[in-house]
Protein backbone atom coordinates (compact mmCIF):
# COMPACT_ATOMS: atom_id res chain seq x y z
CA MET A 1 7.47 11.19 -16.38
CA GLU A 2 4.62 11.41 -13.94
CA ILE A 3 4.19 8.67 -11.36
CA LYS A 4 0.56 7.95 -10.56
CA GLU A 5 -1.04 6.02 -7.72
CA GLN A 6 -3.85 3.52 -7.65
CA GLU A 7 -5.11 2.12 -4.36
CA THR A 8 -7.86 -0.26 -3.29
CA GLU A 9 -8.79 -1.52 0.14
CA ASN A 10 -6.05 -4.20 0.14
CA LYS A 11 -3.63 -3.39 -2.67
CA GLY A 12 -2.07 -0.55 -4.61
CA SER A 13 0.43 0.47 -7.23
CA PHE A 14 2.66 3.29 -8.36
CA TYR A 15 2.92 3.48 -12.13
CA ILE A 16 3.92 5.42 -15.22
CA GLU A 17 1.70 5.47 -18.29
CA ALA A 18 2.49 6.34 -21.88
CA ASP A 19 0.22 5.98 -24.89
CA GLY A 20 -2.53 4.62 -22.63
CA GLN A 21 -0.39 1.73 -21.37
CA ARG A 22 1.45 1.14 -18.14
CA LYS A 23 5.14 1.29 -18.94
CA ALA A 24 6.43 0.89 -15.39
CA GLU A 25 4.73 -0.31 -12.22
CA MET A 26 5.45 -1.18 -8.61
CA THR A 27 2.71 -3.11 -6.83
CA TYR A 28 2.09 -3.51 -3.13
CA SER A 29 -0.25 -5.20 -0.69
CA LYS A 30 -1.42 -3.65 2.53
CA ALA A 31 -0.38 -5.44 5.72
CA GLY A 32 -2.71 -3.90 8.26
CA THR A 33 -2.67 -0.16 8.75
CA GLU A 34 1.03 0.24 9.49
CA ARG A 35 2.85 -1.44 6.60
CA ILE A 36 2.80 -2.11 2.88
CA ILE A 37 4.52 -5.06 1.22
CA ILE A 38 6.25 -4.23 -2.06
CA ASP A 39 5.40 -7.26 -4.24
CA HIS A 40 6.76 -6.52 -7.68
CA THR A 41 8.46 -3.90 -9.83
CA GLU A 42 8.38 -4.01 -13.62
CA VAL A 43 9.72 -1.57 -16.22
CA SER A 44 9.06 -1.93 -19.95
CA ASP A 45 11.99 -2.44 -22.29
CA ASP A 46 11.65 1.04 -23.78
CA LEU A 47 12.17 2.65 -20.34
CA ARG A 48 14.98 0.41 -19.09
CA GLY A 49 18.26 2.04 -18.24
CA MET A 50 16.60 5.37 -17.47
CA GLY A 51 16.42 4.98 -13.68
CA VAL A 52 12.65 4.51 -13.72
CA GLY A 53 12.72 1.59 -11.27
CA VAL A 54 14.71 3.64 -8.75
CA LYS A 55 12.24 6.52 -9.19
CA LEU A 56 9.39 4.14 -8.31
CA VAL A 57 11.22 3.00 -5.17
CA GLU A 58 11.88 6.61 -4.20
CA TYR A 59 8.21 7.42 -4.76
CA ALA A 60 7.26 4.50 -2.47
CA VAL A 61 9.69 5.79 0.18
CA ASN A 62 8.06 9.22 0.10
CA PHE A 63 4.59 7.62 0.11
CA VAL A 64 5.21 5.63 3.31
CA ARG A 65 6.97 8.54 5.00
CA ALA A 66 3.97 10.78 4.30
CA LYS A 67 1.62 8.17 5.75
CA GLY A 68 3.85 7.44 8.75
CA ILE A 69 4.02 3.73 7.93
CA LYS A 70 6.72 1.23 6.92
CA MET A 71 7.34 -1.04 3.94
CA LEU A 72 8.49 -4.62 3.59
CA PRO A 73 10.33 -5.07 0.28
CA LEU A 74 9.64 -8.62 -0.93
CA CYS A 75 10.44 -7.55 -4.48
CA PRO A 76 14.16 -8.28 -5.05
CA PHE A 77 14.67 -5.08 -7.07
CA ALA A 78 13.06 -2.87 -4.43
CA LYS A 79 15.03 -4.56 -1.65
CA ALA A 80 18.35 -4.19 -3.47
CA THR A 81 17.61 -0.55 -4.24
CA LEU A 82 16.71 0.21 -0.64
CA GLN A 83 19.91 -1.46 0.55
CA ARG A 84 21.95 0.85 -1.70
CA HIS A 85 20.33 3.93 -0.14
CA PRO A 86 21.02 4.12 3.62
CA GLU A 87 19.09 7.40 3.75
CA TRP A 88 15.91 5.34 3.18
CA LYS A 89 16.59 2.88 6.03
CA ASP A 90 13.92 4.53 8.20
CA VAL A 91 11.08 3.24 6.03
CA TRP A 92 11.74 -0.49 6.17
């Protein structure tokens, strides 16, 4: 499954498509130039239980590391996932 990115001036998302539809998505808002706010994570029923949500969080971790910025996880799923991975503590 390929994770894709979409970004505008103020918002963005990481997502997985299948059959022309988004099957999983994590959305964020930009908070200045140094931080993104993870707003929401959603995974379709047909992809649940496959670790797709965790893969989106990991993708976001690598995204902010590459940009040299931080994230604020307002999304409860993203926050809980980050808390279970101390190796990602540097990004939030």
